C-alpha atoms as a PDB file:
ATOM      1  CA  UNK A   1      15.608 -10.330  10.992  1.00  0.00           C
ATOM      2  CA  UNK A   2      14.955  -6.299  10.774  1.00  0.00           C
ATOM      3  CA  UNK A   3      13.268  -5.388  13.604  1.00  0.00           C
ATOM      4  CA  UNK A   4      11.746  -2.683  11.340  1.00  0.00           C
ATOM      5  CA  UNK A   5       9.549  -5.032   9.636  1.00  0.00           C
ATOM      6  CA  UNK A   6       6.245  -5.663  10.509  1.00  0.00           C
ATOM      7  CA  UNK A   7       5.303  -8.775  12.642  1.00  0.00           C
ATOM      8  CA  UNK A   8       3.536 -11.331  10.561  1.00  0.00           C
ATOM      9  CA  UNK A   9       0.097 -10.953  12.921  1.00  0.00           C
ATOM     10  CA  UNK A  10       0.420  -7.415  12.140  1.00  0.00           C
ATOM     11  CA  UNK A  11       0.906  -8.117   7.945  1.00  0.00           C
ATOM     12  CA  UNK A  12      -2.100 -10.521   8.439  1.00  0.00           C
ATOM     13  CA  UNK A  13      -3.932  -7.772   9.782  1.00  0.00           C
ATOM     14  CA  UNK A  14      -3.486  -4.957   7.135  1.00  0.00           C
ATOM     15  CA  UNK A  15      -4.177  -7.956   4.762  1.00  0.00           C
ATOM     16  CA  UNK A  16      -7.864  -8.333   5.984  1.00  0.00           C
ATOM     17  CA  UNK A  17      -8.430  -4.959   6.287  1.00  0.00           C
ATOM     18  CA  UNK A  18      -7.559  -4.847   2.636  1.00  0.00           C
ATOM     19  CA  UNK A  19      -9.481  -7.585   1.652  1.00  0.00           C
ATOM     20  CA  UNK A  20     -12.557  -5.700   3.152  1.00  0.00           C
ATOM     21  CA  UNK A  21     -11.722  -2.043   1.732  1.00  0.00           C
ATOM     22  CA  UNK A  22     -11.716  -4.458  -1.510  1.00  0.00           C
ATOM     23  CA  UNK A  23     -15.478  -5.590  -0.402  1.00  0.00           C
ATOM     24  CA  UNK A  24     -15.871  -1.885  -0.061  1.00  0.00           C
ATOM     25  CA  UNK A  25     -14.842  -1.314  -3.717  1.00  0.00           C
ATOM     26  CA  UNK A  26     -17.236  -4.106  -5.139  1.00  0.00           C
ATOM     27  CA  UNK A  27     -20.316  -2.704  -2.980  1.00  0.00           C
ATOM     28  CA  UNK A  28     -19.598   1.350  -4.457  1.00  0.00           C
ATOM     29  CA  UNK A  29     -18.464  -0.346  -8.067  1.00  0.00           C
ATOM     30  CA  UNK A  30     -22.110  -1.741  -8.097  1.00  0.00           C
ATOM     31  CA  UNK A  31     -23.267   2.208  -8.282  1.00  0.00           C
ATOM     32  CA  UNK A  32     -20.479   3.882  -8.899  1.00  0.00           C
ATOM     33  CA  UNK A  33     -21.466   4.321 -12.977  1.00  0.00           C
ATOM     34  CA  UNK A  34     -24.757   5.727 -12.041  1.00  0.00           C
ATOM     35  CA  UNK A  35     -23.015   9.173 -10.385  1.00  0.00           C
ATOM     36  CA  UNK A  36     -22.332  12.424 -11.301  1.00  0.00           C
ATOM     37  CA  UNK A  37     -18.936  13.532 -12.074  1.00  0.00           C
ATOM     38  CA  UNK A  38     -18.063  15.046  -8.574  1.00  0.00           C
ATOM     39  CA  UNK A  39     -18.866  12.500  -7.066  1.00  0.00           C
ATOM     40  CA  UNK A  40     -16.944   9.711  -8.867  1.00  0.00           C
ATOM     41  CA  UNK A  41     -14.018  12.295  -8.132  1.00  0.00           C
ATOM     42  CA  UNK A  42     -14.738  12.162  -4.813  1.00  0.00           C
ATOM     43  CA  UNK A  43     -15.163   8.401  -3.723  1.00  0.00           C
ATOM     44  CA  UNK A  44     -12.200   7.705  -6.335  1.00  0.00           C
ATOM     45  CA  UNK A  45      -9.712   9.945  -3.709  1.00  0.00           C
ATOM     46  CA  UNK A  46     -11.016   9.056  -0.313  1.00  0.00           C
ATOM     47  CA  UNK A  47     -11.597   4.787  -1.139  1.00  0.00           C
ATOM     48  CA  UNK A  48      -7.891   5.711  -2.983  1.00  0.00           C
ATOM     49  CA  UNK A  49      -6.090   8.023   0.770  1.00  0.00           C
ATOM     50  CA  UNK A  50      -8.013   4.896   2.273  1.00  0.00           C
ATOM     51  CA  UNK A  51      -5.752   1.982   0.863  1.00  0.00           C
ATOM     52  CA  UNK A  52      -2.236   3.562   0.920  1.00  0.00           C
ATOM     53  CA  UNK A  53      -3.321   3.981   5.019  1.00  0.00           C
ATOM     54  CA  UNK A  54      -4.353   0.683   4.695  1.00  0.00           C
ATOM     55  CA  UNK A  55      -0.999  -0.561   3.320  1.00  0.00           C
ATOM     56  CA  UNK A  56       1.299   1.868   5.390  1.00  0.00           C
ATOM     57  CA  UNK A  57       2.288   4.500   2.838  1.00  0.00           C
ATOM     58  CA  UNK A  58       2.330   8.006   3.658  1.00  0.00           C
ATOM     59  CA  UNK A  59       2.488  11.153   0.865  1.00  0.00           C
ATOM     60  CA  UNK A  60       4.450  13.066   0.853  1.00  0.00           C
ATOM     61  CA  UNK A  61       4.613  16.014  -2.379  1.00  0.00           C
ATOM     62  CA  UNK A  62       7.592  18.667  -3.809  1.00  0.00           C
ATOM     63  CA  UNK A  63       6.606  22.090  -5.299  1.00  0.00           C
ATOM     64  CA  UNK A  64       2.725  23.010  -5.628  1.00  0.00           C
ATOM     65  CA  UNK A  65      -0.194  21.380  -7.580  1.00  0.00           C
ATOM     66  CA  UNK A  66       0.056  23.082 -10.755  1.00  0.00           C
ATOM     67  CA  UNK A  67      -3.832  23.552 -11.720  1.00  0.00           C
ATOM     68  CA  UNK A  68      -7.217  24.586  -9.811  1.00  0.00           C
ATOM     69  CA  UNK A  69     -10.111  23.228  -9.908  1.00  0.00           C
ATOM     70  CA  UNK A  70     -12.141  20.901 -12.067  1.00  0.00           C
ATOM     71  CA  UNK A  71     -10.738  20.692 -15.514  1.00  0.00           C
ATOM     72  CA  UNK A  72      -9.636  18.607 -18.871  1.00  0.00           C
ATOM     73  CA  UNK A  73      -6.055  17.657 -18.031  1.00  0.00           C
ATOM     74  CA  UNK A  74      -3.530  14.734 -19.374  1.00  0.00           C
ATOM     75  CA  UNK A  75      -1.982  13.885 -16.417  1.00  0.00           C
ATOM     76  CA  UNK A  76       1.574  11.738 -17.033  1.00  0.00           C
ATOM     77  CA  UNK A  77       3.867  10.000 -14.632  1.00  0.00           C
ATOM     78  CA  UNK A  78       6.903   7.609 -14.514  1.00  0.00           C
ATOM     79  CA  UNK A  79       5.932   4.107 -13.717  1.00  0.00           C
ATOM     80  CA  UNK A  80       6.740   2.368 -11.153  1.00  0.00           C
ATOM     81  CA  UNK A  81       4.028   0.030  -9.361  1.00  0.00           C
ATOM     82  CA  UNK A  82       0.489  -0.472  -9.782  1.00  0.00           C
ATOM     83  CA  UNK A  83      -0.269   1.549  -6.476  1.00  0.00           C
ATOM     84  CA  UNK A  84       0.807   4.543  -9.367  1.00  0.00           C
ATOM     85  CA  UNK A  85      -2.844   5.228 -10.226  1.00  0.00           C
ATOM     86  CA  UNK A  86      -4.109   4.898  -6.439  1.00  0.00           C
ATOM     87  CA  UNK A  87      -1.179   7.502  -5.352  1.00  0.00           C
ATOM     88  CA  UNK A  88      -2.261  10.017  -8.612  1.00  0.00           C
ATOM     89  CA  UNK A  89      -6.120   9.474  -7.578  1.00  0.00           C
ATOM     90  CA  UNK A  90      -5.279  10.977  -3.931  1.00  0.00           C
ATOM     91  CA  UNK A  91      -4.298  13.891  -5.526  1.00  0.00           C
ATOM     92  CA  UNK A  92      -6.402  14.695  -8.947  1.00  0.00           C
ATOM     93  CA  UNK A  93      -8.975  11.376  -9.802  1.00  0.00           C
ATOM     94  CA  UNK A  94      -8.678  10.365 -13.305  1.00  0.00           C
ATOM     95  CA  UNK A  95      -9.765   7.940 -15.761  1.00  0.00           C
ATOM     96  CA  UNK A  96      -6.542   5.913 -16.421  1.00  0.00           C
ATOM     97  CA  UNK A  97      -5.263   4.400 -20.094  1.00  0.00           C
ATOM     98  CA  UNK A  98      -4.030   1.402 -19.190  1.00  0.00           C
ATOM     99  CA  UNK A  99      -3.055  -2.001 -20.537  1.00  0.00           C
ATOM    100  CA  UNK A 100      -5.859  -4.498 -21.814  1.00  0.00           C
ATOM    101  CA  UNK A 101      -4.504  -7.326 -19.512  1.00  0.00           C
ATOM    102  CA  UNK A 102      -5.297  -5.368 -16.140  1.00  0.00           C
ATOM    103  CA  UNK A 103      -9.225  -6.142 -17.474  1.00  0.00           C
ATOM    104  CA  UNK A 104      -8.186  -9.855 -16.855  1.00  0.00           C
ATOM    105  CA  UNK A 105      -6.690  -9.334 -13.075  1.00  0.00           C
ATOM    106  CA  UNK A 106      -9.331 -10.817 -10.226  1.00  0.00           C
ATOM    107  CA  UNK A 107     -11.709  -8.677  -8.613  1.00  0.00           C
ATOM    108  CA  UNK A 108      -8.993  -5.529 -10.063  1.00  0.00           C
ATOM    109  CA  UNK A 109      -9.670  -5.810 -13.668  1.00  0.00           C
ATOM    110  CA  UNK A 110     -13.558  -5.876 -12.638  1.00  0.00           C
ATOM    111  CA  UNK A 111     -13.208  -2.788 -10.692  1.00  0.00           C
ATOM    112  CA  UNK A 112     -11.407  -1.120 -13.519  1.00  0.00           C
ATOM    113  CA  UNK A 113     -13.730  -2.000 -15.923  1.00  0.00           C
ATOM    114  CA  UNK A 114     -17.060  -0.203 -13.596  1.00  0.00           C
ATOM    115  CA  UNK A 115     -14.354   2.840 -13.064  1.00  0.00           C
ATOM    116  CA  UNK A 116     -14.583   3.238 -16.431  1.00  0.00           C
ATOM    117  CA  UNK A 117     -10.506   2.591 -16.702  1.00  0.00           C
ATOM    118  CA  UNK A 118      -9.578   2.925 -20.572  1.00  0.00           C
ATOM    119  CA  UNK A 119      -8.390  -0.163 -21.739  1.00  0.00           C
ATOM    120  CA  UNK A 120      -5.764  -0.422 -25.075  1.00  0.00           C
ATOM    121  CA  UNK A 121      -4.553  -3.196 -26.709  1.00  0.00           C
ATOM    122  CA  UNK A 122      -0.878  -1.973 -27.337  1.00  0.00           C
ATOM    123  CA  UNK A 123      -0.205  -4.069 -31.140  1.00  0.00           C
ATOM    124  CA  UNK A 124      -3.138  -2.988 -32.149  1.00  0.00           C
ATOM    125  CA  UNK A 125      -2.524   0.360 -34.587  1.00  0.00           C
ATOM    126  CA  UNK A 126      -6.271   1.077 -35.165  1.00  0.00           C
ATOM    127  CA  UNK A 127      -7.458   0.504 -31.359  1.00  0.00           C
ATOM    128  CA  UNK A 128      -4.890   3.493 -30.364  1.00  0.00           C
ATOM    129  CA  UNK A 129      -6.472   5.548 -33.088  1.00  0.00           C
ATOM    130  CA  UNK A 130      -9.968   4.914 -31.540  1.00  0.00           C
ATOM    131  CA  UNK A 131      -8.263   5.529 -28.142  1.00  0.00           C
ATOM    132  CA  UNK A 132      -6.715   8.424 -29.204  1.00  0.00           C
ATOM    133  CA  UNK A 133     -10.146   9.677 -30.083  1.00  0.00           C
ATOM    134  CA  UNK A 134     -12.391   8.625 -26.951  1.00  0.00           C
ATOM    135  CA  UNK A 135      -9.686  10.066 -24.890  1.00  0.00           C
ATOM    136  CA  UNK A 136      -9.747  13.853 -27.044  1.00  0.00           C
ATOM    137  CA  UNK A 137     -13.847  14.079 -26.015  1.00  0.00           C
ATOM    138  CA  UNK A 138     -13.078  12.891 -22.308  1.00  0.00           C
ATOM    139  CA  UNK A 139     -11.117  15.845 -22.339  1.00  0.00           C
ATOM    140  CA  UNK A 140     -12.756  18.725 -24.135  1.00  0.00           C
ATOM    141  CA  UNK A 141     -15.739  17.105 -22.344  1.00  0.00           C
ATOM    142  CA  UNK A 142     -13.726  18.340 -18.759  1.00  0.00           C
ATOM    143  CA  UNK A 143     -12.763  15.470 -17.561  1.00  0.00           C
ATOM    144  CA  UNK A 144      -9.319  14.463 -16.328  1.00  0.00           C
ATOM    145  CA  UNK A 145      -6.828  11.291 -18.286  1.00  0.00           C
ATOM    146  CA  UNK A 146      -3.881   9.594 -16.911  1.00  0.00           C
ATOM    147  CA  UNK A 147      -1.079   8.197 -18.670  1.00  0.00           C
ATOM    148  CA  UNK A 148       1.818   6.729 -18.264  1.00  0.00           C
ATOM    149  CA  UNK A 149       3.633   6.995 -21.328  1.00  0.00           C
ATOM    150  CA  UNK A 150       6.552   4.185 -20.867  1.00  0.00           C
ATOM    151  CA  UNK A 151       3.712   1.720 -21.448  1.00  0.00           C
ATOM    152  CA  UNK A 152       5.569  -0.337 -18.769  1.00  0.00           C
ATOM    153  CA  UNK A 153       6.746  -0.350 -14.961  1.00  0.00           C
ATOM    154  CA  UNK A 154      10.665   0.717 -14.293  1.00  0.00           C
ATOM    155  CA  UNK A 155      12.826  -0.004 -11.336  1.00  0.00           C
ATOM    156  CA  UNK A 156      12.424   3.688 -10.484  1.00  0.00           C
ATOM    157  CA  UNK A 157      15.962   4.006 -10.772  1.00  0.00           C
ATOM    158  CA  UNK A 158      15.316   6.146 -14.093  1.00  0.00           C
ATOM    159  CA  UNK A 159      12.513   6.944 -16.606  1.00  0.00           C
ATOM    160  CA  UNK A 160      11.995   4.825 -19.536  1.00  0.00           C
ATOM    161  CA  UNK A 161      11.372   6.223 -23.100  1.00  0.00           C
ATOM    162  CA  UNK A 162       7.931   8.346 -23.132  1.00  0.00           C
ATOM    163  CA  UNK A 163       5.976   6.968 -25.977  1.00  0.00           C
ATOM    164  CA  UNK A 164       4.359   9.614 -27.651  1.00  0.00           C
ATOM    165  CA  UNK A 165       1.430   8.109 -29.784  1.00  0.00           C
ATOM    166  CA  UNK A 166      -0.933   8.979 -26.599  1.00  0.00           C
ATOM    167  CA  UNK A 167      -0.353  12.229 -25.973  1.00  0.00           C
ATOM    168  CA  UNK A 168      -1.528  13.170 -29.350  1.00  0.00           C
ATOM    169  CA  UNK A 169      -4.869  13.773 -27.306  1.00  0.00           C
ATOM    170  CA  UNK A 170      -3.609  16.717 -25.072  1.00  0.00           C
ATOM    171  CA  UNK A 171      -2.598  18.452 -28.358  1.00  0.00           C
ATOM    172  CA  UNK A 172      -6.057  17.837 -29.928  1.00  0.00           C
ATOM    173  CA  UNK A 173      -8.566  19.332 -27.252  1.00  0.00           C
ATOM    174  CA  UNK A 174      -5.910  22.201 -26.443  1.00  0.00           C
ATOM    175  CA  UNK A 175      -5.369  21.039 -23.105  1.00  0.00           C
ATOM    176  CA  UNK A 176      -2.514  21.466 -20.446  1.00  0.00           C
ATOM    177  CA  UNK A 177      -0.008  18.356 -20.325  1.00  0.00           C
ATOM    178  CA  UNK A 178       0.681  17.928 -16.114  1.00  0.00           C
ATOM    179  CA  UNK A 179       4.021  16.249 -15.746  1.00  0.00           C
ATOM    180  CA  UNK A 180       4.785  14.670 -12.110  1.00  0.00           C
ATOM    181  CA  UNK A 181       7.360  12.784 -10.648  1.00  0.00           C
ATOM    182  CA  UNK A 182       6.548   9.860  -9.152  1.00  0.00           C
ATOM    183  CA  UNK A 183       9.434   8.217  -5.846  1.00  0.00           C
ATOM    184  CA  UNK A 184       8.899   5.168  -3.475  1.00  0.00           C
ATOM    185  CA  UNK A 185      11.150   6.576  -0.650  1.00  0.00           C
ATOM    186  CA  UNK A 186      11.912   4.672   2.960  1.00  0.00           C
ATOM    187  CA  UNK A 187      11.649   6.928   6.364  1.00  0.00           C
ATOM    188  CA  UNK A 188      15.211   8.432   5.840  1.00  0.00           C
ATOM    189  CA  UNK A 189      14.254   9.486   2.204  1.00  0.00           C
ATOM    190  CA  UNK A 190      16.298   6.646   0.360  1.00  0.00           C
ATOM    191  CA  UNK A 191      14.809   5.081  -2.694  1.00  0.00           C
ATOM    192  CA  UNK A 192      12.894   2.177  -1.846  1.00  0.00           C
ATOM    193  CA  UNK A 193      12.041  -1.032  -4.022  1.00  0.00           C
ATOM    194  CA  UNK A 194       9.138  -2.075  -1.832  1.00  0.00           C
ATOM    195  CA  UNK A 195       6.464  -1.224  -4.263  1.00  0.00           C
ATOM    196  CA  UNK A 196       8.273  -2.333  -7.606  1.00  0.00           C
ATOM    197  CA  UNK A 197       6.259  -4.220  -9.526  1.00  0.00           C
ATOM    198  CA  UNK A 198       8.327  -5.437 -12.590  1.00  0.00           C
ATOM    199  CA  UNK A 199       9.879  -8.281 -14.155  1.00  0.00           C
ATOM    200  CA  UNK A 200       7.856 -11.382 -13.134  1.00  0.00           C
ATOM    201  CA  UNK A 201       6.076 -10.211 -10.331  1.00  0.00           C
ATOM    202  CA  UNK A 202       3.012 -11.565  -9.324  1.00  0.00           C
ATOM    203  CA  UNK A 203      -0.336  -8.766  -8.351  1.00  0.00           C
ATOM    204  CA  UNK A 204      -0.551 -11.301  -4.896  1.00  0.00           C
ATOM    205  CA  UNK A 205       3.418 -11.262  -4.640  1.00  0.00           C
ATOM    206  CA  UNK A 206       3.345  -7.642  -5.437  1.00  0.00           C
ATOM    207  CA  UNK A 207       0.615  -6.999  -2.164  1.00  0.00           C
ATOM    208  CA  UNK A 208       2.040  -9.568   0.102  1.00  0.00           C
ATOM    209  CA  UNK A 209       6.020  -7.500  -0.176  1.00  0.00           C
ATOM    210  CA  UNK A 210       4.164  -4.104   0.719  1.00  0.00           C
ATOM    211  CA  UNK A 211       2.406  -5.858   3.512  1.00  0.00           C
ATOM    212  CA  UNK A 212       5.707  -7.026   4.955  1.00  0.00           C
ATOM    213  CA  UNK A 213       7.361  -4.154   4.287  1.00  0.00           C
ATOM    214  CA  UNK A 214       8.114  -1.326   6.864  1.00  0.00           C
ATOM    215  CA  UNK A 215       6.239   2.063   6.252  1.00  0.00           C
ATOM    216  CA  UNK A 216       7.617   3.784   3.277  1.00  0.00           C
ATOM    217  CA  UNK A 217       6.332   6.938   1.433  1.00  0.00           C
ATOM    218  CA  UNK A 218       5.835   8.251  -1.736  1.00  0.00           C
ATOM    219  CA  UNK A 219       7.057  11.442  -3.133  1.00  0.00           C
ATOM    220  CA  UNK A 220       5.160  13.216  -6.140  1.00  0.00           C
ATOM    221  CA  UNK A 221       7.258  15.901  -7.208  1.00  0.00           C
ATOM    222  CA  UNK A 222       4.413  18.538  -9.447  1.00  0.00           C
ATOM    223  CA  UNK A 223       6.474  20.243 -12.320  1.00  0.00           C
ATOM    224  CA  UNK A 224       5.200  23.154 -14.124  1.00  0.00           C
ATOM    225  CA  UNK A 225       2.230  22.267 -16.757  1.00  0.00           C
ATOM    226  CA  UNK A 226       3.421  21.673 -20.679  1.00  0.00           C
ATOM    227  CA  UNK A 227       1.856  24.061 -23.260  1.00  0.00           C
ATOM    228  CA  UNK A 228       0.377  21.387 -25.974  1.00  0.00           C
ATOM    229  CA  UNK A 229      -0.860  23.932 -28.202  1.00  0.00           C
ATOM    230  CA  UNK A 230       0.944  23.687 -32.211  1.00  0.00           C
ATOM    231  CA  UNK A 231       3.469  21.757 -30.585  1.00  0.00           C
ATOM    232  CA  UNK A 232       4.845  17.948 -32.145  1.00  0.00           C
ATOM    233  CA  UNK A 233       4.040  15.227 -30.031  1.00  0.00           C
ATOM    234  CA  UNK A 234       7.146  14.017 -29.921  1.00  0.00           C
ATOM    235  CA  UNK A 235       8.561  17.085 -28.863  1.00  0.00           C
ATOM    236  CA  UNK A 236       6.115  17.303 -25.834  1.00  0.00           C
ATOM    237  CA  UNK A 237       6.596  13.648 -24.831  1.00  0.00           C
ATOM    238  CA  UNK A 238      10.445  13.914 -24.951  1.00  0.00           C
ATOM    239  CA  UNK A 239       9.919  17.563 -22.963  1.00  0.00           C
ATOM    240  CA  UNK A 240       8.027  15.752 -20.085  1.00  0.00           C
ATOM    241  CA  UNK A 241      10.614  12.918 -19.694  1.00  0.00           C
ATOM    242  CA  UNK A 242      13.108  14.657 -19.389  1.00  0.00           C
ATOM    243  CA  UNK A 243      11.483  17.202 -16.971  1.00  0.00           C
ATOM    244  CA  UNK A 244      10.264  14.351 -14.734  1.00  0.00           C
ATOM    245  CA  UNK A 245      14.052  12.706 -15.264  1.00  0.00           C
ATOM    246  CA  UNK A 246      15.582  16.176 -14.421  1.00  0.00           C
ATOM    247  CA  UNK A 247      12.626  17.014 -11.438  1.00  0.00           C
ATOM    248  CA  UNK A 248      13.975  13.307  -9.947  1.00  0.00           C
ATOM    249  CA  UNK A 249      17.461  13.868 -10.112  1.00  0.00           C
ATOM    250  CA  UNK A 250      17.169  17.316  -8.650  1.00  0.00           C
ATOM    251  CA  UNK A 251      15.492  15.591  -5.562  1.00  0.00           C
ATOM    252  CA  UNK A 252      17.739  12.979  -5.564  1.00  0.00           C
ATOM    253  CA  UNK A 253      20.169  15.837  -5.022  1.00  0.00           C
ATOM    254  CA  UNK A 254      18.215  17.228  -3.029  1.00  0.00           C
ATOM    255  CA  UNK A 255      18.077  14.686  -0.052  1.00  0.00           C
ATOM    256  CA  UNK A 256      22.084  14.806   0.363  1.00  0.00           C
ATOM    257  CA  UNK A 257      22.184  18.847   1.868  1.00  0.00           C
ATOM    258  CA  UNK A 258      21.245  19.901   4.775  1.00  0.00           C
ATOM    259  CA  UNK A 259      17.392  19.479   5.549  1.00  0.00           C
ATOM    260  CA  UNK A 260      17.533  23.707   5.918  1.00  0.00           C
ATOM    261  CA  UNK A 261      18.771  24.177   2.345  1.00  0.00           C
ATOM    262  CA  UNK A 262      16.281  21.456   1.041  1.00  0.00           C
ATOM    263  CA  UNK A 263      13.071  23.736   1.237  1.00  0.00           C
ATOM    264  CA  UNK A 264      14.867  26.624  -0.976  1.00  0.00           C
ATOM    265  CA  UNK A 265      16.522  24.727  -3.195  1.00  0.00           C
ATOM    266  CA  UNK A 266      14.060  22.291  -4.678  1.00  0.00           C
ATOM    267  CA  UNK A 267      11.673  24.935  -6.306  1.00  0.00           C
ATOM    268  CA  UNK A 268      14.090  26.177  -8.233  1.00  0.00           C
ATOM    269  CA  UNK A 269      15.988  23.360  -9.177  1.00  0.00           C
ATOM    270  CA  UNK A 270      12.596  21.907 -10.879  1.00  0.00           C
ATOM    271  CA  UNK A 271      12.147  25.261 -12.750  1.00  0.00           C
ATOM    272  CA  UNK A 272      15.440  24.942 -14.286  1.00  0.00           C
ATOM    273  CA  UNK A 273      15.458  20.674 -14.894  1.00  0.00           C
ATOM    274  CA  UNK A 274      13.106  22.074 -18.111  1.00  0.00           C
ATOM    275  CA  UNK A 275      16.086  22.306 -19.667  1.00  0.00           C
ATOM    276  CA  UNK A 276      15.580  23.343 -24.086  1.00  0.00           C
ATOM    277  CA  UNK A 277      12.208  22.565 -23.319  1.00  0.00           C
ATOM    278  CA  UNK A 278      11.250  25.692 -21.129  1.00  0.00           C
ATOM    279  CA  UNK A 279       9.745  27.423 -23.904  1.00  0.00           C
ATOM    280  CA  UNK A 280       6.848  24.596 -23.508  1.00  0.00           C
ATOM    281  CA  UNK A 281       6.672  25.637 -19.762  1.00  0.00           C
ATOM    282  CA  UNK A 282       3.888  27.794 -19.118  1.00  0.00           C
ATOM    283  CA  UNK A 283       3.259  30.877 -17.230  1.00  0.00           C
ATOM    284  CA  UNK A 284       1.300  29.507 -14.115  1.00  0.00           C
ATOM    285  CA  UNK A 285      -0.289  32.625 -12.890  1.00  0.00           C
ATOM    286  CA  UNK A 286      -2.129  33.249 -15.943  1.00  0.00           C
ATOM    287  CA  UNK A 287      -3.136  29.447 -16.853  1.00  0.00           C
ATOM    288  CA  UNK A 288      -4.582  29.554 -13.034  1.00  0.00           C
ATOM    289  CA  UNK A 289      -8.674  29.944 -12.678  1.00  0.00           C
ATOM    290  CA  UNK A 290      -9.142  33.089 -11.491  1.00  0.00           C
END
């Protein structure tokens, strides 16, 4: 047996803490819809951070979060786990677009509805058009929206095709597109499958696997924001997919070089990862709020 694995009593103890934390979420959800936006963001950020602490998951970052202050941004990321939403909420709380099936998950589905998650029926084009109009309004109101353009989870070893339909609201509202790359890794910075949520894996099985896993981290790679005004949504989707994919590849490569070289090599590598889409990257100094 791997000595690094938590003991069964410890895993059960964490499970008990998780159950209490979910109960706490239910209590918060009663009042959540009646709170102002600032308080909602604070609750999402704090509760998500506490969730990761309970599950013994650390957060690491590469690069700098390219936007400051509150405002409407469309955040896009690769999708590996149900944890991804909470990971991103610890950095910049957002309204997420999720598949309609999540609405039927026990407790979690109700909590998502109370937190104003945007559900979409992927098979209905009319529903997608309605969602786009709704998201455009939210972005124009200064509300951050999160999206996983792959439309499904992967094992984290690759970035799947980015669907462009739900990226259109960022263009319509004229807001920035913020690609973020996610990578789950062990204590030695090797890719971890502990959080992977693919295939026939149930939510209960995924949670138990995480509770029985040794500590691991989630790495967020911040890449430069992409311009949206006047850009075709398919071009924008390919740009976001490529910058996330190459950002992860660069990080994986940097893990193989001496530690002292990593700090100086990563930022330049991420900028080079923009490839032919470099013209879409905004000059950050001109876009940050004064």
